[in-house]
Amino acid sequence: MSTSDVRREQPHSAESPSVSIVGCGWVGLAAGRVLAQQGYTVCGSTTRPSQRSVLADAGIEPFVTTFGPDPEPAVPDLFDSDVLICTLPPGRSNADEAPYLDQVAVLMAQAQAHGIERVIYTSSTGVYPPTKVPVTEEAIDPRAPHGAAAPRRSTAEAVRSAEQIIVTAYPERAVILRLGGLFGPDRHPGRFIAGRTDVKRPEGPVNIVHQQDVVGAIQAVVEQEDVQGVFNVVAPKHPTRRAFYEAAARDYGGDPPTFAGDSNTEGKRVVSTKLMDTLGYVFTYPDPTAAFRQEA
């Protein structure tokens, strides 16, 4: 099942909010395509000229620019929208934290200068530190993110700081979507796990979400214009690492992974109850292993 299967019965009217997506990569392009199909006016940025036609084919008005941190070349029309969706991820090394945060600060300044009304930021559940209890959104306050224990990865510190920049700029009109591990079309987890040996914590839970549910959550936030705050976006069911990785490898057609002799069932379990209760969102893949059976 593809993201193009996400549909509304009626297209939006010309009065629907216009949307700009900064970072039309794996998530941003998929979200833009669906929003355009629903009748929204969508524009988006890419750093690669070769992607211009890809965005246009998806119904997205393309802007080719690089944020470093200022957009080069300048693209003021990119910010001529009601809603800004930021899907830019931080770099993989701690050395990238400062320029990434400079980029986010510039984006917020551009958004405010051009009268953008709402900002949606695709964050990560990596901002949460290791814990033995179910994790809700209240575990990390984006207004004071560094009051909690440090996360496992250094890039998550940058994401925490980016959340703070965004909610400071838009204290009542920002939505933070903390995404679990991503999988879906062109990002099959079996590719990375097949044949691996001595995989640790096989009985621990996974916090993962299909691309289609990420797009669905973004669409739900855009549609519900009064929504604000932080939402976890993670499949409600948390299979063990063993169950998920074995299913992924089998679906991919690779060798099954082998696991360490560790019976520890502890691990972070991020819950998405708020997303379902507040937005009424219904996951397409509440059990992430079901995606393999449907897409096989």
C-alpha atoms as a PDB file:
ATOM      1  CA  MET A   1       0.000   0.000   0.000  1.00  0.00           C
ATOM      2  CA  SER A   2       1.478   3.387  -0.944  1.00  0.00           C
ATOM      3  CA  THR A   3       1.052   6.875   0.431  1.00  0.00           C
ATOM      4  CA  SER A   4      -1.062   7.683  -2.607  1.00  0.00           C
ATOM      5  CA  ASP A   5      -3.761   5.475  -1.084  1.00  0.00           C
ATOM      6  CA  VAL A   6      -4.367   8.101   1.607  1.00  0.00           C
ATOM      7  CA  ARG A   7      -7.506   9.864   0.419  1.00  0.00           C
ATOM      8  CA  ARG A   8     -10.263  12.214   1.531  1.00  0.00           C
ATOM      9  CA  GLU A   9     -13.721  11.867   0.055  1.00  0.00           C
ATOM     10  CA  GLN A  10     -13.805  15.512  -1.032  1.00  0.00           C
ATOM     11  CA  PRO A  11     -10.949  17.753  -2.173  1.00  0.00           C
ATOM     12  CA  HIS A  12     -10.191  20.880  -0.195  1.00  0.00           C
ATOM     13  CA  SER A  13     -11.501  24.215  -1.346  1.00  0.00           C
ATOM     14  CA  ALA A  14      -9.469  27.123  -2.617  1.00  0.00           C
ATOM     15  CA  GLU A  15      -9.725  28.559   0.938  1.00  0.00           C
ATOM     16  CA  SER A  16      -7.675  25.722   2.403  1.00  0.00           C
ATOM     17  CA  PRO A  17      -4.316  26.735   3.858  1.00  0.00           C
ATOM     18  CA  SER A  18      -1.367  26.719   1.511  1.00  0.00           C
ATOM     19  CA  VAL A  19       1.627  24.620   2.543  1.00  0.00           C
ATOM     20  CA  SER A  20       5.387  24.962   2.166  1.00  0.00           C
ATOM     21  CA  ILE A  21       7.673  21.988   2.828  1.00  0.00           C
ATOM     22  CA  VAL A  22      11.325  22.658   3.558  1.00  0.00           C
ATOM     23  CA  GLY A  23      13.174  19.444   2.821  1.00  0.00           C
ATOM     24  CA  CYS A  24      11.316  17.354   0.233  1.00  0.00           C
ATOM     25  CA  GLY A  25      13.177  14.155   0.966  1.00  0.00           C
ATOM     26  CA  TRP A  26      11.730  10.767   1.833  1.00  0.00           C
ATOM     27  CA  VAL A  27       9.091  12.142   4.225  1.00  0.00           C
ATOM     28  CA  GLY A  28       8.587  15.611   2.772  1.00  0.00           C
ATOM     29  CA  LEU A  29       8.046  14.486  -0.809  1.00  0.00           C
ATOM     30  CA  ALA A  30       5.543  11.814   0.231  1.00  0.00           C
ATOM     31  CA  ALA A  31       3.628  14.292   2.402  1.00  0.00           C
ATOM     32  CA  GLY A  32       3.623  16.948  -0.305  1.00  0.00           C
ATOM     33  CA  ARG A  33       2.318  14.512  -2.892  1.00  0.00           C
ATOM     34  CA  VAL A  34      -0.636  13.507  -0.716  1.00  0.00           C
ATOM     35  CA  LEU A  35      -1.468  17.073   0.311  1.00  0.00           C
ATOM     36  CA  ALA A  36      -1.409  18.155  -3.346  1.00  0.00           C
ATOM     37  CA  GLN A  37      -3.728  15.278  -4.202  1.00  0.00           C
ATOM     38  CA  GLN A  38      -6.140  16.563  -1.573  1.00  0.00           C
ATOM     39  CA  GLY A  39      -6.286  19.964  -3.241  1.00  0.00           C
ATOM     40  CA  TYR A  40      -3.819  21.923  -1.148  1.00  0.00           C
ATOM     41  CA  THR A  41      -1.456  24.373  -2.808  1.00  0.00           C
ATOM     42  CA  VAL A  42       1.968  22.942  -1.976  1.00  0.00           C
ATOM     43  CA  CYS A  43       5.456  24.220  -2.644  1.00  0.00           C
ATOM     44  CA  GLY A  44       8.663  22.599  -1.502  1.00  0.00           C
ATOM     45  CA  SER A  45      12.415  22.861  -1.447  1.00  0.00           C
ATOM     46  CA  THR A  46      15.148  20.529  -2.617  1.00  0.00           C
ATOM     47  CA  THR A  47      18.911  20.948  -2.808  1.00  0.00           C
ATOM     48  CA  ARG A  48      19.178  18.965  -6.040  1.00  0.00           C
ATOM     49  CA  PRO A  49      18.202  20.449  -9.425  1.00  0.00           C
ATOM     50  CA  SER A  50      17.534  16.912 -10.683  1.00  0.00           C
ATOM     51  CA  GLN A  51      14.626  16.678  -8.215  1.00  0.00           C
ATOM     52  CA  ARG A  52      12.820  19.664  -9.667  1.00  0.00           C
ATOM     53  CA  SER A  53      10.814  17.506 -12.084  1.00  0.00           C
ATOM     54  CA  VAL A  54      10.129  14.911  -9.381  1.00  0.00           C
ATOM     55  CA  LEU A  55       8.507  17.536  -7.168  1.00  0.00           C
ATOM     56  CA  ALA A  56       6.574  19.016 -10.085  1.00  0.00           C
ATOM     57  CA  ASP A  57       5.243  15.573 -11.032  1.00  0.00           C
ATOM     58  CA  ALA A  58       4.038  15.179  -7.434  1.00  0.00           C
ATOM     59  CA  GLY A  59       2.052  18.412  -7.681  1.00  0.00           C
ATOM     60  CA  ILE A  60       4.582  20.416  -5.645  1.00  0.00           C
ATOM     61  CA  GLU A  61       5.901  23.760  -6.895  1.00  0.00           C
ATOM     62  CA  PRO A  62       9.678  23.202  -6.685  1.00  0.00           C
ATOM     63  CA  PHE A  63      12.308  25.547  -5.285  1.00  0.00           C
ATOM     64  CA  VAL A  64      15.962  24.531  -5.566  1.00  0.00           C
ATOM     65  CA  THR A  65      17.996  26.050  -2.759  1.00  0.00           C
ATOM     66  CA  THR A  66      20.509  25.188  -0.069  1.00  0.00           C
ATOM     67  CA  PHE A  67      20.139  26.277   3.535  1.00  0.00           C
ATOM     68  CA  GLY A  68      23.544  27.021   4.911  1.00  0.00           C
ATOM     69  CA  PRO A  69      21.951  28.482   7.054  1.00  0.00           C
ATOM     70  CA  ASP A  70      20.467  31.181   4.793  1.00  0.00           C
ATOM     71  CA  PRO A  71      18.723  29.980   1.630  1.00  0.00           C
ATOM     72  CA  GLU A  72      21.038  30.261  -1.361  1.00  0.00           C
ATOM     73  CA  PRO A  73      19.665  31.336  -3.730  1.00  0.00           C
ATOM     74  CA  ALA A  74      17.032  33.319  -1.836  1.00  0.00           C
ATOM     75  CA  VAL A  75      13.543  31.910  -2.356  1.00  0.00           C
ATOM     76  CA  PRO A  76      11.038  34.298  -0.742  1.00  0.00           C
ATOM     77  CA  ASP A  77       8.099  32.716  -2.568  1.00  0.00           C
ATOM     78  CA  LEU A  78       8.822  29.431  -0.784  1.00  0.00           C
ATOM     79  CA  PHE A  79       7.620  31.099   2.412  1.00  0.00           C
ATOM     80  CA  ASP A  80       4.476  32.611   0.885  1.00  0.00           C
ATOM     81  CA  SER A  81       2.218  30.046   2.579  1.00  0.00           C
ATOM     82  CA  ASP A  82       0.021  29.581   5.616  1.00  0.00           C
ATOM     83  CA  VAL A  83       1.756  26.460   6.955  1.00  0.00           C
ATOM     84  CA  LEU A  84       5.445  25.585   7.006  1.00  0.00           C
ATOM     85  CA  ILE A  85       6.453  21.938   7.360  1.00  0.00           C
ATOM     86  CA  CYS A  86      10.107  21.468   8.273  1.00  0.00           C
ATOM     87  CA  THR A  87      11.496  17.997   7.620  1.00  0.00           C
ATOM     88  CA  LEU A  88      15.183  18.904   7.611  1.00  0.00           C
ATOM     89  CA  PRO A  89      17.172  16.407   9.716  1.00  0.00           C
ATOM     90  CA  PRO A  90      20.380  17.226  11.580  1.00  0.00           C
ATOM     91  CA  GLY A  91      23.729  15.898  10.449  1.00  0.00           C
ATOM     92  CA  ARG A  92      25.102  12.625  11.756  1.00  0.00           C
ATOM     93  CA  SER A  93      27.923  14.123  13.798  1.00  0.00           C
ATOM     94  CA  ASN A  94      27.853  16.413  16.789  1.00  0.00           C
ATOM     95  CA  ALA A  95      29.933  18.905  14.807  1.00  0.00           C
ATOM     96  CA  ASP A  96      26.855  19.540  12.649  1.00  0.00           C
ATOM     97  CA  GLU A  97      24.721  20.716  15.580  1.00  0.00           C
ATOM     98  CA  ALA A  98      25.512  24.455  15.398  1.00  0.00           C
ATOM     99  CA  PRO A  99      24.900  24.945  11.646  1.00  0.00           C
ATOM    100  CA  TYR A 100      21.739  22.842  11.867  1.00  0.00           C
ATOM    101  CA  LEU A 101      20.343  25.022  14.625  1.00  0.00           C
ATOM    102  CA  ASP A 102      21.338  28.106  12.641  1.00  0.00           C
ATOM    103  CA  GLN A 103      19.300  26.702   9.743  1.00  0.00           C
ATOM    104  CA  VAL A 104      16.267  26.185  11.971  1.00  0.00           C
ATOM    105  CA  ALA A 105      16.584  29.686  13.410  1.00  0.00           C
ATOM    106  CA  VAL A 106      16.751  31.161   9.903  1.00  0.00           C
ATOM    107  CA  LEU A 107      13.692  29.176   8.857  1.00  0.00           C
ATOM    108  CA  MET A 108      11.709  30.523  11.815  1.00  0.00           C
ATOM    109  CA  ALA A 109      12.828  34.074  11.053  1.00  0.00           C
ATOM    110  CA  GLN A 110      11.780  33.654   7.405  1.00  0.00           C
ATOM    111  CA  ALA A 111       8.459  32.143   8.466  1.00  0.00           C
ATOM    112  CA  GLN A 112       7.691  35.026  10.811  1.00  0.00           C
ATOM    113  CA  ALA A 113       8.807  37.665   8.292  1.00  0.00           C
ATOM    114  CA  HIS A 114       6.494  36.242   5.622  1.00  0.00           C
ATOM    115  CA  GLY A 115       3.481  35.818   7.901  1.00  0.00           C
ATOM    116  CA  ILE A 116       3.380  32.016   8.050  1.00  0.00           C
ATOM    117  CA  GLU A 117       0.731  31.112  10.600  1.00  0.00           C
ATOM    118  CA  ARG A 118       1.708  27.589  11.683  1.00  0.00           C
ATOM    119  CA  VAL A 119       4.838  25.462  11.785  1.00  0.00           C
ATOM    120  CA  ILE A 120       5.023  21.661  11.793  1.00  0.00           C
ATOM    121  CA  TYR A 121       8.372  20.100  12.660  1.00  0.00           C
ATOM    122  CA  THR A 122       9.180  16.423  12.166  1.00  0.00           C
ATOM    123  CA  SER A 123      11.232  15.593  15.229  1.00  0.00           C
ATOM    124  CA  SER A 124      12.314  12.188  16.542  1.00  0.00           C
ATOM    125  CA  THR A 125      11.600   9.902  19.479  1.00  0.00           C
ATOM    126  CA  GLY A 126      15.381   9.853  19.813  1.00  0.00           C
ATOM    127  CA  VAL A 127      14.982  12.957  21.993  1.00  0.00           C
ATOM    128  CA  TYR A 128      13.807  10.685  24.811  1.00  0.00           C
ATOM    129  CA  PRO A 129      16.453   9.181  27.097  1.00  0.00           C
ATOM    130  CA  PRO A 130      16.505   5.441  27.841  1.00  0.00           C
ATOM    131  CA  THR A 131      13.805   4.493  30.330  1.00  0.00           C
ATOM    132  CA  LYS A 132      11.905   1.477  31.620  1.00  0.00           C
ATOM    133  CA  VAL A 133       8.462   3.134  31.634  1.00  0.00           C
ATOM    134  CA  PRO A 134       6.103   3.981  28.734  1.00  0.00           C
ATOM    135  CA  VAL A 135       7.105   7.309  27.198  1.00  0.00           C
ATOM    136  CA  THR A 136       4.531  10.042  26.624  1.00  0.00           C
ATOM    137  CA  GLU A 137       5.048  13.488  25.156  1.00  0.00           C
ATOM    138  CA  GLU A 138       5.315  15.025  28.637  1.00  0.00           C
ATOM    139  CA  ALA A 139       8.680  13.297  29.181  1.00  0.00           C
ATOM    140  CA  ILE A 140      10.434  16.136  27.297  1.00  0.00           C
ATOM    141  CA  ASP A 141       9.133  19.707  27.405  1.00  0.00           C
ATOM    142  CA  PRO A 142      10.231  21.410  24.150  1.00  0.00           C
ATOM    143  CA  ARG A 143      10.359  24.749  25.978  1.00  0.00           C
ATOM    144  CA  ALA A 144      13.036  23.401  28.348  1.00  0.00           C
ATOM    145  CA  PRO A 145      14.306  20.239  26.655  1.00  0.00           C
ATOM    146  CA  HIS A 146      17.677  19.976  28.347  1.00  0.00           C
ATOM    147  CA  GLY A 147      16.218  19.588  31.834  1.00  0.00           C
ATOM    148  CA  ALA A 148      15.785  15.868  31.189  1.00  0.00           C
ATOM    149  CA  ALA A 149      18.443  13.168  31.048  1.00  0.00           C
ATOM    150  CA  ALA A 150      20.598  13.145  27.938  1.00  0.00           C
ATOM    151  CA  PRO A 151      19.381  11.105  24.960  1.00  0.00           C
ATOM    152  CA  ARG A 152      21.338   8.161  23.620  1.00  0.00           C
ATOM    153  CA  ARG A 153      22.606   9.895  20.438  1.00  0.00           C
ATOM    154  CA  SER A 154      24.307  13.255  20.049  1.00  0.00           C
ATOM    155  CA  THR A 155      22.144  14.283  17.099  1.00  0.00           C
ATOM    156  CA  ALA A 156      19.088  14.039  19.365  1.00  0.00           C
ATOM    157  CA  GLU A 157      20.483  16.940  21.385  1.00  0.00           C
ATOM    158  CA  ALA A 158      20.343  19.052  18.222  1.00  0.00           C
ATOM    159  CA  VAL A 159      16.748  17.964  17.631  1.00  0.00           C
ATOM    160  CA  ARG A 160      15.826  18.910  21.195  1.00  0.00           C
ATOM    161  CA  SER A 161      17.320  22.366  20.652  1.00  0.00           C
ATOM    162  CA  ALA A 162      15.530  22.718  17.312  1.00  0.00           C
ATOM    163  CA  GLU A 163      12.211  21.982  19.019  1.00  0.00           C
ATOM    164  CA  GLN A 164      12.957  24.735  21.516  1.00  0.00           C
ATOM    165  CA  ILE A 165      13.726  27.246  18.750  1.00  0.00           C
ATOM    166  CA  ILE A 166      10.471  26.423  16.985  1.00  0.00           C
ATOM    167  CA  VAL A 167       8.154  26.616  20.006  1.00  0.00           C
ATOM    168  CA  THR A 168       9.832  29.844  21.089  1.00  0.00           C
ATOM    169  CA  ALA A 169       9.110  31.382  17.687  1.00  0.00           C
ATOM    170  CA  TYR A 170       5.588  29.915  17.538  1.00  0.00           C
ATOM    171  CA  PRO A 171       4.510  29.328  21.163  1.00  0.00           C
ATOM    172  CA  GLU A 172       0.857  28.772  20.286  1.00  0.00           C
ATOM    173  CA  ARG A 173       1.010  27.697  16.633  1.00  0.00           C
ATOM    174  CA  ALA A 174       3.689  24.999  16.476  1.00  0.00           C
ATOM    175  CA  VAL A 175       3.237  21.240  16.202  1.00  0.00           C
ATOM    176  CA  ILE A 176       6.109  18.894  16.985  1.00  0.00           C
ATOM    177  CA  LEU A 177       5.769  15.376  15.562  1.00  0.00           C
ATOM    178  CA  ARG A 178       8.221  12.998  17.251  1.00  0.00           C
ATOM    179  CA  LEU A 179       8.630  10.187  14.750  1.00  0.00           C
ATOM    180  CA  GLY A 180       9.698   6.655  15.566  1.00  0.00           C
ATOM    181  CA  GLY A 181      12.086   4.695  13.384  1.00  0.00           C
ATOM    182  CA  LEU A 182      11.024   5.106   9.772  1.00  0.00           C
ATOM    183  CA  PHE A 183      10.340   2.398   7.217  1.00  0.00           C
ATOM    184  CA  GLY A 184       8.308   1.965   4.057  1.00  0.00           C
ATOM    185  CA  PRO A 185       8.813   2.269   0.289  1.00  0.00           C
ATOM    186  CA  ASP A 186      12.519   2.423  -0.618  1.00  0.00           C
ATOM    187  CA  ARG A 187      13.425   2.083   3.068  1.00  0.00           C
ATOM    188  CA  HIS A 188      12.985  -1.585   3.820  1.00  0.00           C
ATOM    189  CA  PRO A 189      14.441  -2.557   7.222  1.00  0.00           C
ATOM    190  CA  GLY A 190      15.297  -5.992   5.861  1.00  0.00           C
ATOM    191  CA  ARG A 191      17.991  -4.364   3.759  1.00  0.00           C
ATOM    192  CA  PHE A 192      19.845  -3.320   6.899  1.00  0.00           C
ATOM    193  CA  ILE A 193      19.153  -6.305   9.149  1.00  0.00           C
ATOM    194  CA  ALA A 194      19.333  -9.346   6.845  1.00  0.00           C
ATOM    195  CA  GLY A 195      22.341 -11.471   7.666  1.00  0.00           C
ATOM    196  CA  ARG A 196      23.372  -9.403  10.695  1.00  0.00           C
ATOM    197  CA  THR A 197      24.883 -11.356  13.572  1.00  0.00           C
ATOM    198  CA  ASP A 198      24.733 -11.005  17.328  1.00  0.00           C
ATOM    199  CA  VAL A 199      21.932  -8.400  17.283  1.00  0.00           C
ATOM    200  CA  LYS A 200      21.539  -7.052  20.806  1.00  0.00           C
ATOM    201  CA  ARG A 201      18.399  -6.916  22.973  1.00  0.00           C
ATOM    202  CA  PRO A 202      16.295  -9.267  20.832  1.00  0.00           C
ATOM    203  CA  GLU A 203      13.412  -9.222  23.323  1.00  0.00           C
ATOM    204  CA  GLY A 204      13.295  -5.445  23.660  1.00  0.00           C
ATOM    205  CA  PRO A 205      10.466  -3.473  21.973  1.00  0.00           C
ATOM    206  CA  VAL A 206      10.780  -1.511  18.748  1.00  0.00           C
ATOM    207  CA  ASN A 207       9.438   2.015  18.267  1.00  0.00           C
ATOM    208  CA  ILE A 208       8.820   2.264  14.551  1.00  0.00           C
ATOM    209  CA  VAL A 209       6.353   3.798  12.127  1.00  0.00           C
ATOM    210  CA  HIS A 210       5.480   3.303   8.477  1.00  0.00           C
ATOM    211  CA  GLN A 211       5.874   6.197   6.058  1.00  0.00           C
ATOM    212  CA  GLN A 212       2.168   6.111   5.309  1.00  0.00           C
ATOM    213  CA  ASP A 213       1.327   6.792   8.956  1.00  0.00           C
ATOM    214  CA  VAL A 214       3.831   9.642   9.129  1.00  0.00           C
ATOM    215  CA  VAL A 215       2.158  11.213   6.111  1.00  0.00           C
ATOM    216  CA  GLY A 216      -1.254  10.522   7.628  1.00  0.00           C
ATOM    217  CA  ALA A 217      -0.283  12.262  10.856  1.00  0.00           C
ATOM    218  CA  ILE A 218       1.044  15.292   8.976  1.00  0.00           C
ATOM    219  CA  GLN A 219      -2.135  15.457   6.920  1.00  0.00           C
ATOM    220  CA  ALA A 220      -4.279  15.245  10.080  1.00  0.00           C
ATOM    221  CA  VAL A 221      -2.377  18.152  11.654  1.00  0.00           C
ATOM    222  CA  VAL A 222      -2.686  20.304   8.527  1.00  0.00           C
ATOM    223  CA  GLU A 223      -6.422  19.612   8.363  1.00  0.00           C
ATOM    224  CA  GLN A 224      -7.065  20.387  12.041  1.00  0.00           C
ATOM    225  CA  GLU A 225      -5.949  23.986  12.119  1.00  0.00           C
ATOM    226  CA  ASP A 226      -6.373  24.527  15.877  1.00  0.00           C
ATOM    227  CA  VAL A 227      -4.080  21.648  16.848  1.00  0.00           C
ATOM    228  CA  GLN A 228      -0.809  22.543  18.562  1.00  0.00           C
ATOM    229  CA  GLY A 229       1.724  20.870  20.821  1.00  0.00           C
ATOM    230  CA  VAL A 230       3.779  17.678  20.748  1.00  0.00           C
ATOM    231  CA  PHE A 231       2.666  14.309  19.381  1.00  0.00           C
ATOM    232  CA  ASN A 232       4.462  10.977  19.272  1.00  0.00           C
ATOM    233  CA  VAL A 233       4.053   9.187  15.935  1.00  0.00           C
ATOM    234  CA  VAL A 234       4.857   5.527  16.607  1.00  0.00           C
ATOM    235  CA  ALA A 235       2.954   2.362  15.717  1.00  0.00           C
ATOM    236  CA  PRO A 236       0.764   1.481  18.743  1.00  0.00           C
ATOM    237  CA  LYS A 237       1.995  -2.107  18.831  1.00  0.00           C
ATOM    238  CA  HIS A 238       5.596  -2.727  19.791  1.00  0.00           C
ATOM    239  CA  PRO A 239       6.808  -6.116  18.583  1.00  0.00           C
ATOM    240  CA  THR A 240      10.109  -7.359  19.911  1.00  0.00           C
ATOM    241  CA  ARG A 241      13.259  -6.605  17.982  1.00  0.00           C
ATOM    242  CA  ARG A 242      13.500 -10.311  17.203  1.00  0.00           C
ATOM    243  CA  ALA A 243       9.965 -10.512  15.787  1.00  0.00           C
ATOM    244  CA  PHE A 244      10.250  -7.332  13.739  1.00  0.00           C
ATOM    245  CA  TYR A 245      13.719  -7.993  12.345  1.00  0.00           C
ATOM    246  CA  GLU A 246      12.971 -11.602  11.463  1.00  0.00           C
ATOM    247  CA  ALA A 247       9.796 -10.539   9.646  1.00  0.00           C
ATOM    248  CA  ALA A 248      11.690  -7.775   7.840  1.00  0.00           C
ATOM    249  CA  ALA A 249      14.490 -10.088   6.714  1.00  0.00           C
ATOM    250  CA  ARG A 250      12.002 -12.715   5.552  1.00  0.00           C
ATOM    251  CA  ASP A 251       9.989 -10.184   3.557  1.00  0.00           C
ATOM    252  CA  TYR A 252      13.160  -8.759   2.021  1.00  0.00           C
ATOM    253  CA  GLY A 253      14.309 -12.209   0.986  1.00  0.00           C
ATOM    254  CA  GLY A 254      17.589 -12.050   2.874  1.00  0.00           C
ATOM    255  CA  ASP A 255      19.227 -14.313   5.415  1.00  0.00           C
ATOM    256  CA  PRO A 256      17.646 -14.110   8.869  1.00  0.00           C
ATOM    257  CA  PRO A 257      19.646 -12.244  11.497  1.00  0.00           C
ATOM    258  CA  THR A 258      21.064 -13.960  14.547  1.00  0.00           C
ATOM    259  CA  PHE A 259      20.682 -12.563  18.022  1.00  0.00           C
ATOM    260  CA  ALA A 260      22.714 -12.221  21.170  1.00  0.00           C
ATOM    261  CA  GLY A 261      21.826 -14.529  24.026  1.00  0.00           C
ATOM    262  CA  ASP A 262      20.099 -11.748  25.945  1.00  0.00           C
ATOM    263  CA  SER A 263      16.668 -12.279  27.493  1.00  0.00           C
ATOM    264  CA  ASN A 264      16.364  -8.675  28.708  1.00  0.00           C
ATOM    265  CA  THR A 265      12.920  -7.351  27.732  1.00  0.00           C
ATOM    266  CA  GLU A 266      13.582  -3.789  28.875  1.00  0.00           C
ATOM    267  CA  GLY A 267      13.600  -0.920  26.443  1.00  0.00           C
ATOM    268  CA  LYS A 268      11.992   2.396  25.663  1.00  0.00           C
ATOM    269  CA  ARG A 269       8.345   2.045  24.652  1.00  0.00           C
ATOM    270  CA  VAL A 270       7.007   5.266  23.094  1.00  0.00           C
ATOM    271  CA  VAL A 271       3.220   5.573  23.039  1.00  0.00           C
ATOM    272  CA  SER A 272       1.037   7.494  20.551  1.00  0.00           C
ATOM    273  CA  THR A 273      -2.166   7.634  22.592  1.00  0.00           C
ATOM    274  CA  LYS A 274      -2.298  11.435  22.416  1.00  0.00           C
ATOM    275  CA  LEU A 275      -2.183  11.417  18.609  1.00  0.00           C
ATOM    276  CA  MET A 276      -5.043   8.936  18.429  1.00  0.00           C
ATOM    277  CA  ASP A 277      -7.177  10.570  21.131  1.00  0.00           C
ATOM    278  CA  THR A 278      -6.647  14.245  20.250  1.00  0.00           C
ATOM    279  CA  LEU A 279      -6.565  14.044  16.457  1.00  0.00           C
ATOM    280  CA  GLY A 280      -8.662  10.902  16.109  1.00  0.00           C
ATOM    281  CA  TYR A 281      -5.881   9.413  14.028  1.00  0.00           C
ATOM    282  CA  VAL A 282      -6.243   5.750  13.060  1.00  0.00           C
ATOM    283  CA  PHE A 283      -3.004   4.030  12.147  1.00  0.00           C
ATOM    284  CA  THR A 284      -2.871   2.182   8.847  1.00  0.00           C
ATOM    285  CA  TYR A 285      -0.169  -0.052  10.328  1.00  0.00           C
ATOM    286  CA  PRO A 286      -0.812  -0.286  14.092  1.00  0.00           C
ATOM    287  CA  ASP A 287       1.222  -3.512  13.994  1.00  0.00           C
ATOM    288  CA  PRO A 288       4.312  -2.630  11.950  1.00  0.00           C
ATOM    289  CA  THR A 289       4.984  -6.250  10.985  1.00  0.00           C
ATOM    290  CA  ALA A 290       1.654  -6.253   9.111  1.00  0.00           C
ATOM    291  CA  ALA A 291       3.181  -3.940   6.517  1.00  0.00           C
ATOM    292  CA  PHE A 292       5.404  -6.771   5.304  1.00  0.00           C
ATOM    293  CA  ARG A 293       2.466  -9.106   4.835  1.00  0.00           C
ATOM    294  CA  GLN A 294       0.511  -6.480   2.885  1.00  0.00           C
ATOM    295  CA  GLU A 295       3.411  -5.246   0.767  1.00  0.00           C
ATOM    296  CA  ALA A 296       4.890  -8.668  -0.044  1.00  0.00           C
END
